[in-house]
C-alpha atoms as a PDB file:
ATOM      1  CA  UNK A   1     106.945  93.574 128.737  1.00  0.00           C
ATOM      2  CA  UNK A   2     107.156  93.853 124.986  1.00  0.00           C
ATOM      3  CA  UNK A   3     110.073  95.908 123.660  1.00  0.00           C
ATOM      4  CA  UNK A   4     108.605  98.244 120.864  1.00  0.00           C
ATOM      5  CA  UNK A   5     110.996  98.855 117.957  1.00  0.00           C
ATOM      6  CA  UNK A   6     111.293 102.256 116.382  1.00  0.00           C
ATOM      7  CA  UNK A   7     109.559 102.765 113.078  1.00  0.00           C
ATOM      8  CA  UNK A   8     112.181 105.162 111.592  1.00  0.00           C
ATOM      9  CA  UNK A   9     115.738 106.185 111.937  1.00  0.00           C
ATOM     10  CA  UNK A  10     115.347 109.409 109.881  1.00  0.00           C
ATOM     11  CA  UNK A  11     111.895 110.814 110.735  1.00  0.00           C
ATOM     12  CA  UNK A  12     109.841 112.050 107.756  1.00  0.00           C
ATOM     13  CA  UNK A  13     111.694 109.936 105.279  1.00  0.00           C
ATOM     14  CA  UNK A  14     110.629 107.002 103.068  1.00  0.00           C
ATOM     15  CA  UNK A  15     112.973 104.581 104.691  1.00  0.00           C
ATOM     16  CA  UNK A  16     113.943 100.977 103.746  1.00  0.00           C
ATOM     17  CA  UNK A  17     115.413  98.616 106.233  1.00  0.00           C
ATOM     18  CA  UNK A  18     117.569  95.850 104.887  1.00  0.00           C
ATOM     19  CA  UNK A  19     118.948  92.679 106.519  1.00  0.00           C
ATOM     20  CA  UNK A  20     120.273  89.373 105.241  1.00  0.00           C
ATOM     21  CA  UNK A  21     120.112  85.612 106.180  1.00  0.00           C
ATOM     22  CA  UNK A  22     122.495  82.807 105.628  1.00  0.00           C
ATOM     23  CA  UNK A  23     125.803  84.434 105.821  1.00  0.00           C
ATOM     24  CA  UNK A  24     127.450  81.810 108.041  1.00  0.00           C
ATOM     25  CA  UNK A  25     125.989  78.877 105.931  1.00  0.00           C
ATOM     26  CA  UNK A  26     128.157  76.294 104.201  1.00  0.00           C
ATOM     27  CA  UNK A  27     125.584  75.700 101.553  1.00  0.00           C
ATOM     28  CA  UNK A  28     122.796  77.618  99.657  1.00  0.00           C
ATOM     29  CA  UNK A  29     122.455  81.309  98.760  1.00  0.00           C
ATOM     30  CA  UNK A  30     122.471  84.348 100.717  1.00  0.00           C
ATOM     31  CA  UNK A  31     119.100  86.032 100.857  1.00  0.00           C
ATOM     32  CA  UNK A  32     118.415  89.666 101.912  1.00  0.00           C
ATOM     33  CA  UNK A  33     115.236  91.693 102.136  1.00  0.00           C
ATOM     34  CA  UNK A  34     114.227  95.383 102.005  1.00  0.00           C
ATOM     35  CA  UNK A  35     111.113  96.648 103.618  1.00  0.00           C
ATOM     36  CA  UNK A  36     109.470 100.098 103.762  1.00  0.00           C
ATOM     37  CA  UNK A  37     106.709 100.715 106.331  1.00  0.00           C
ATOM     38  CA  UNK A  38     104.504 103.622 106.724  1.00  0.00           C
ATOM     39  CA  UNK A  39     106.058 106.267 108.890  1.00  0.00           C
ATOM     40  CA  UNK A  40     103.678 105.902 111.836  1.00  0.00           C
ATOM     41  CA  UNK A  41     103.591 102.149 111.493  1.00  0.00           C
ATOM     42  CA  UNK A  42     103.414 100.250 114.824  1.00  0.00           C
ATOM     43  CA  UNK A  43     103.587  96.572 115.469  1.00  0.00           C
ATOM     44  CA  UNK A  44     104.589  95.138 118.916  1.00  0.00           C
ATOM     45  CA  UNK A  45     104.907  91.514 117.583  1.00  0.00           C
ATOM     46  CA  UNK A  46     107.841  92.375 115.222  1.00  0.00           C
ATOM     47  CA  UNK A  47     111.272  91.389 116.658  1.00  0.00           C
ATOM     48  CA  UNK A  48     114.636  90.264 115.494  1.00  0.00           C
ATOM     49  CA  UNK A  49     113.806  86.983 113.644  1.00  0.00           C
ATOM     50  CA  UNK A  50     116.342  84.940 115.737  1.00  0.00           C
ATOM     51  CA  UNK A  51     114.075  85.485 118.733  1.00  0.00           C
ATOM     52  CA  UNK A  52     110.977  83.944 117.118  1.00  0.00           C
ATOM     53  CA  UNK A  53     109.816  80.272 116.238  1.00  0.00           C
ATOM     54  CA  UNK A  54     109.594  79.228 112.721  1.00  0.00           C
ATOM     55  CA  UNK A  55     105.929  79.246 112.718  1.00  0.00           C
ATOM     56  CA  UNK A  56     105.705  82.755 114.220  1.00  0.00           C
ATOM     57  CA  UNK A  57     108.172  83.988 111.448  1.00  0.00           C
ATOM     58  CA  UNK A  58     105.963  82.640 108.735  1.00  0.00           C
ATOM     59  CA  UNK A  59     102.833  84.184 110.353  1.00  0.00           C
ATOM     60  CA  UNK A  60     104.621  87.603 110.604  1.00  0.00           C
ATOM     61  CA  UNK A  61     105.740  87.324 107.098  1.00  0.00           C
ATOM     62  CA  UNK A  62     102.147  87.505 105.928  1.00  0.00           C
ATOM     63  CA  UNK A  63     101.582  90.606 108.159  1.00  0.00           C
ATOM     64  CA  UNK A  64     104.750  92.360 106.912  1.00  0.00           C
ATOM     65  CA  UNK A  65     103.742  91.641 103.230  1.00  0.00           C
ATOM     66  CA  UNK A  66     100.247  92.999 103.827  1.00  0.00           C
ATOM     67  CA  UNK A  67     101.258  96.125 105.930  1.00  0.00           C
ATOM     68  CA  UNK A  68     104.529  97.242 104.192  1.00  0.00           C
ATOM     69  CA  UNK A  69     104.362 100.146 101.786  1.00  0.00           C
ATOM     70  CA  UNK A  70     106.858  98.047  99.696  1.00  0.00           C
ATOM     71  CA  UNK A  71     108.919  94.965 100.220  1.00  0.00           C
ATOM     72  CA  UNK A  72     111.337  92.866  98.072  1.00  0.00           C
ATOM     73  CA  UNK A  73     113.706  89.957  98.582  1.00  0.00           C
ATOM     74  CA  UNK A  74     117.223  89.622  96.751  1.00  0.00           C
ATOM     75  CA  UNK A  75     119.208  86.395  96.437  1.00  0.00           C
ATOM     76  CA  UNK A  76     122.992  85.841  95.552  1.00  0.00           C
ATOM     77  CA  UNK A  77     124.023  82.245  94.640  1.00  0.00           C
ATOM     78  CA  UNK A  78     126.638  80.094  96.340  1.00  0.00           C
ATOM     79  CA  UNK A  79     128.545  80.386  93.006  1.00  0.00           C
ATOM     80  CA  UNK A  80     128.507  84.149  93.190  1.00  0.00           C
ATOM     81  CA  UNK A  81     129.524  84.056  96.825  1.00  0.00           C
ATOM     82  CA  UNK A  82     132.562  82.118  95.856  1.00  0.00           C
ATOM     83  CA  UNK A  83     133.377  84.541  93.428  1.00  0.00           C
ATOM     84  CA  UNK A  84     132.993  87.878  95.151  1.00  0.00           C
ATOM     85  CA  UNK A  85     133.144  86.770  98.982  1.00  0.00           C
ATOM     86  CA  UNK A  86     130.316  86.537 101.514  1.00  0.00           C
ATOM     87  CA  UNK A  87     130.525  90.143 102.698  1.00  0.00           C
ATOM     88  CA  UNK A  88     130.157  91.476  99.108  1.00  0.00           C
ATOM     89  CA  UNK A  89     127.537  88.829  98.324  1.00  0.00           C
ATOM     90  CA  UNK A  90     125.440  90.019 101.457  1.00  0.00           C
ATOM     91  CA  UNK A  91     125.638  93.517 100.291  1.00  0.00           C
ATOM     92  CA  UNK A  92     124.743  92.581  96.542  1.00  0.00           C
ATOM     93  CA  UNK A  93     121.724  90.624  97.977  1.00  0.00           C
ATOM     94  CA  UNK A  94     120.667  93.894  99.858  1.00  0.00           C
ATOM     95  CA  UNK A  95     121.191  95.891  96.718  1.00  0.00           C
ATOM     96  CA  UNK A  96     119.049  93.348  94.675  1.00  0.00           C
ATOM     97  CA  UNK A  97     116.296  93.634  97.058  1.00  0.00           C
ATOM     98  CA  UNK A  98     116.385  97.396  96.929  1.00  0.00           C
ATOM     99  CA  UNK A  99     116.283  97.221  93.061  1.00  0.00           C
ATOM    100  CA  UNK A 100     113.117  95.497  93.239  1.00  0.00           C
ATOM    101  CA  UNK A 101     111.189  97.740  95.664  1.00  0.00           C
ATOM    102  CA  UNK A 102     108.067  99.361  93.956  1.00  0.00           C
ATOM    103  CA  UNK A 103     108.722 102.524  95.876  1.00  0.00           C
ATOM    104  CA  UNK A 104     112.081 104.202  95.849  1.00  0.00           C
ATOM    105  CA  UNK A 105     113.255 104.915  99.382  1.00  0.00           C
ATOM    106  CA  UNK A 106     114.734 108.333 100.469  1.00  0.00           C
ATOM    107  CA  UNK A 107     116.915 106.614 103.081  1.00  0.00           C
ATOM    108  CA  UNK A 108     118.224 103.136 103.989  1.00  0.00           C
ATOM    109  CA  UNK A 109     119.097 101.517 107.254  1.00  0.00           C
ATOM    110  CA  UNK A 110     121.050  98.236 107.308  1.00  0.00           C
ATOM    111  CA  UNK A 111     121.525  95.658 110.106  1.00  0.00           C
ATOM    112  CA  UNK A 112     125.227  95.446 110.963  1.00  0.00           C
ATOM    113  CA  UNK A 113     128.203  97.666 110.206  1.00  0.00           C
ATOM    114  CA  UNK A 114     129.064  97.161 106.549  1.00  0.00           C
ATOM    115  CA  UNK A 115     127.330  98.430 103.460  1.00  0.00           C
ATOM    116  CA  UNK A 116     128.210  99.996 100.273  1.00  0.00           C
ATOM    117  CA  UNK A 117     126.410 103.018  98.918  1.00  0.00           C
ATOM    118  CA  UNK A 118     123.183 102.276  96.989  1.00  0.00           C
ATOM    119  CA  UNK A 119     122.634 104.876  94.084  1.00  0.00           C
ATOM    120  CA  UNK A 120     122.803 108.305  95.954  1.00  0.00           C
ATOM    121  CA  UNK A 121     120.640 107.379  98.756  1.00  0.00           C
ATOM    122  CA  UNK A 122     121.833 108.156 102.239  1.00  0.00           C
ATOM    123  CA  UNK A 123     122.159 105.093 104.515  1.00  0.00           C
ATOM    124  CA  UNK A 124     123.122 104.301 108.011  1.00  0.00           C
ATOM    125  CA  UNK A 125     124.448 100.889 109.330  1.00  0.00           C
ATOM    126  CA  UNK A 126     123.008  99.876 112.623  1.00  0.00           C
ATOM    127  CA  UNK A 127     124.623  97.227 114.782  1.00  0.00           C
ATOM    128  CA  UNK A 128     121.898  94.817 116.179  1.00  0.00           C
ATOM    129  CA  UNK A 129     119.453  96.921 114.126  1.00  0.00           C
ATOM    130  CA  UNK A 130     116.936  93.953 113.885  1.00  0.00           C
ATOM    131  CA  UNK A 131     116.327  94.535 117.620  1.00  0.00           C
ATOM    132  CA  UNK A 132     115.916  98.377 117.230  1.00  0.00           C
ATOM    133  CA  UNK A 133     113.933  99.185 114.087  1.00  0.00           C
ATOM    134  CA  UNK A 134     110.707  97.576 112.629  1.00  0.00           C
ATOM    135  CA  UNK A 135     111.806  97.663 109.066  1.00  0.00           C
ATOM    136  CA  UNK A 136     115.146  95.822 109.671  1.00  0.00           C
ATOM    137  CA  UNK A 137     113.329  93.211 111.913  1.00  0.00           C
ATOM    138  CA  UNK A 138     110.763  92.718 109.195  1.00  0.00           C
ATOM    139  CA  UNK A 139     113.613  92.421 106.563  1.00  0.00           C
ATOM    140  CA  UNK A 140     115.352  89.684 108.792  1.00  0.00           C
ATOM    141  CA  UNK A 141     112.063  87.818 108.971  1.00  0.00           C
ATOM    142  CA  UNK A 142     111.544  87.974 105.055  1.00  0.00           C
ATOM    143  CA  UNK A 143     115.210  87.070 104.342  1.00  0.00           C
ATOM    144  CA  UNK A 144     115.201  84.144 106.873  1.00  0.00           C
ATOM    145  CA  UNK A 145     111.838  82.672 105.885  1.00  0.00           C
ATOM    146  CA  UNK A 146     112.326  82.799 102.080  1.00  0.00           C
ATOM    147  CA  UNK A 147     115.816  81.277 102.439  1.00  0.00           C
ATOM    148  CA  UNK A 148     114.545  78.601 104.796  1.00  0.00           C
ATOM    149  CA  UNK A 149     111.830  77.704 102.301  1.00  0.00           C
ATOM    150  CA  UNK A 150     114.315  77.500  99.558  1.00  0.00           C
ATOM    151  CA  UNK A 151     116.601  75.317 101.693  1.00  0.00           C
ATOM    152  CA  UNK A 152     113.709  72.947 102.547  1.00  0.00           C
ATOM    153  CA  UNK A 153     113.167  72.532  98.888  1.00  0.00           C
ATOM    154  CA  UNK A 154     116.872  71.568  98.290  1.00  0.00           C
ATOM    155  CA  UNK A 155     116.766  69.210 101.270  1.00  0.00           C
ATOM    156  CA  UNK A 156     114.232  67.189  99.238  1.00  0.00           C
ATOM    157  CA  UNK A 157     116.911  66.690  96.496  1.00  0.00           C
ATOM    158  CA  UNK A 158     119.809  66.320  99.057  1.00  0.00           C
ATOM    159  CA  UNK A 159     118.297  64.547 102.234  1.00  0.00           C
ATOM    160  CA  UNK A 160     121.625  63.333 103.650  1.00  0.00           C
ATOM    161  CA  UNK A 161     122.816  66.886 104.600  1.00  0.00           C
ATOM    162  CA  UNK A 162     119.908  67.466 106.975  1.00  0.00           C
ATOM    163  CA  UNK A 163     119.257  70.841 105.549  1.00  0.00           C
ATOM    164  CA  UNK A 164     115.708  70.629 106.740  1.00  0.00           C
ATOM    165  CA  UNK A 165     116.958  71.285 110.163  1.00  0.00           C
ATOM    166  CA  UNK A 166     120.186  73.090 109.634  1.00  0.00           C
ATOM    167  CA  UNK A 167     119.291  75.202 106.663  1.00  0.00           C
ATOM    168  CA  UNK A 168     122.993  74.821 105.468  1.00  0.00           C
ATOM    169  CA  UNK A 169     124.512  76.065 108.566  1.00  0.00           C
ATOM    170  CA  UNK A 170     127.641  74.160 109.722  1.00  0.00           C
ATOM    171  CA  UNK A 171     126.244  71.743 112.208  1.00  0.00           C
ATOM    172  CA  UNK A 172     128.154  68.453 113.085  1.00  0.00           C
ATOM    173  CA  UNK A 173     125.700  66.381 111.090  1.00  0.00           C
ATOM    174  CA  UNK A 174     126.008  68.687 107.996  1.00  0.00           C
ATOM    175  CA  UNK A 175     129.930  68.335 108.288  1.00  0.00           C
ATOM    176  CA  UNK A 176     129.665  64.605 108.797  1.00  0.00           C
ATOM    177  CA  UNK A 177     127.586  64.356 105.505  1.00  0.00           C
ATOM    178  CA  UNK A 178     130.098  66.412 103.685  1.00  0.00           C
ATOM    179  CA  UNK A 179     132.941  64.090 104.866  1.00  0.00           C
ATOM    180  CA  UNK A 180     130.923  60.990 103.809  1.00  0.00           C
ATOM    181  CA  UNK A 181     129.099  62.352 100.467  1.00  0.00           C
ATOM    182  CA  UNK A 182     131.397  65.207  99.420  1.00  0.00           C
ATOM    183  CA  UNK A 183     129.827  68.597  98.278  1.00  0.00           C
ATOM    184  CA  UNK A 184     126.804  69.475  96.035  1.00  0.00           C
ATOM    185  CA  UNK A 185     126.549  72.252  93.565  1.00  0.00           C
ATOM    186  CA  UNK A 186     124.819  74.288  96.171  1.00  0.00           C
ATOM    187  CA  UNK A 187     127.941  74.248  98.623  1.00  0.00           C
ATOM    188  CA  UNK A 188     130.027  77.447  98.861  1.00  0.00           C
ATOM    189  CA  UNK A 189     133.526  76.090  98.005  1.00  0.00           C
ATOM    190  CA  UNK A 190     135.359  79.045  99.333  1.00  0.00           C
ATOM    191  CA  UNK A 191     134.090  78.009 102.854  1.00  0.00           C
ATOM    192  CA  UNK A 192     135.840  75.885 105.412  1.00  0.00           C
ATOM    193  CA  UNK A 193     133.639  72.845 104.812  1.00  0.00           C
ATOM    194  CA  UNK A 194     134.948  70.425 107.494  1.00  0.00           C
ATOM    195  CA  UNK A 195     135.839  73.006 110.125  1.00  0.00           C
ATOM    196  CA  UNK A 196     139.446  71.863 110.534  1.00  0.00           C
ATOM    197  CA  UNK A 197     141.091  74.997 108.889  1.00  0.00           C
ATOM    198  CA  UNK A 198     141.484  73.244 105.572  1.00  0.00           C
ATOM    199  CA  UNK A 199     139.763  75.060 102.715  1.00  0.00           C
ATOM    200  CA  UNK A 200     140.753  72.667 100.115  1.00  0.00           C
ATOM    201  CA  UNK A 201     138.441  69.541  99.838  1.00  0.00           C
ATOM    202  CA  UNK A 202     139.809  66.129  99.125  1.00  0.00           C
ATOM    203  CA  UNK A 203     136.972  65.600  96.584  1.00  0.00           C
ATOM    204  CA  UNK A 204     135.481  67.454  93.645  1.00  0.00           C
END
């Protein structure tokens, strides 16, 4: 039984759904996407990106980019994350995605419970929104696949951190590599790298 997601929160509105990827990572940027679908849009295959395989996400990315009225991806670097903190960086990434939309939305829906006003456009935050609304589910897929692709590129330069499989998230293998090799310019220095409660690192 497929669970159909709703097309809009505010009916009759050009609505952008936003979500981010990479918030809990130790390395790499945070990515966000904004997606606007036609109001009567239906797609039973779209779901929260965490429920999908990598291959399925990449297939759906093509469908989303073809079907969306407008879509865009925003990026905030590890260096910026360290400067403004991850919550602000996640919201900034969403704002950057919204900035790039070819169509200006009349309303915005955001996965989670935190957002900052974008221009004068009304918005709603929706907990687990990626399992409720098509545009947020689509944004979660775009943000995740574009971030994963970027981390795969970085993994070629820094193979010891196992980014091909962990994408920068704090796995045991990732932390062991940090212990052994130190950090890269792509690591978020403000994060607890070794998982031991110590923010300061013994090496620079």
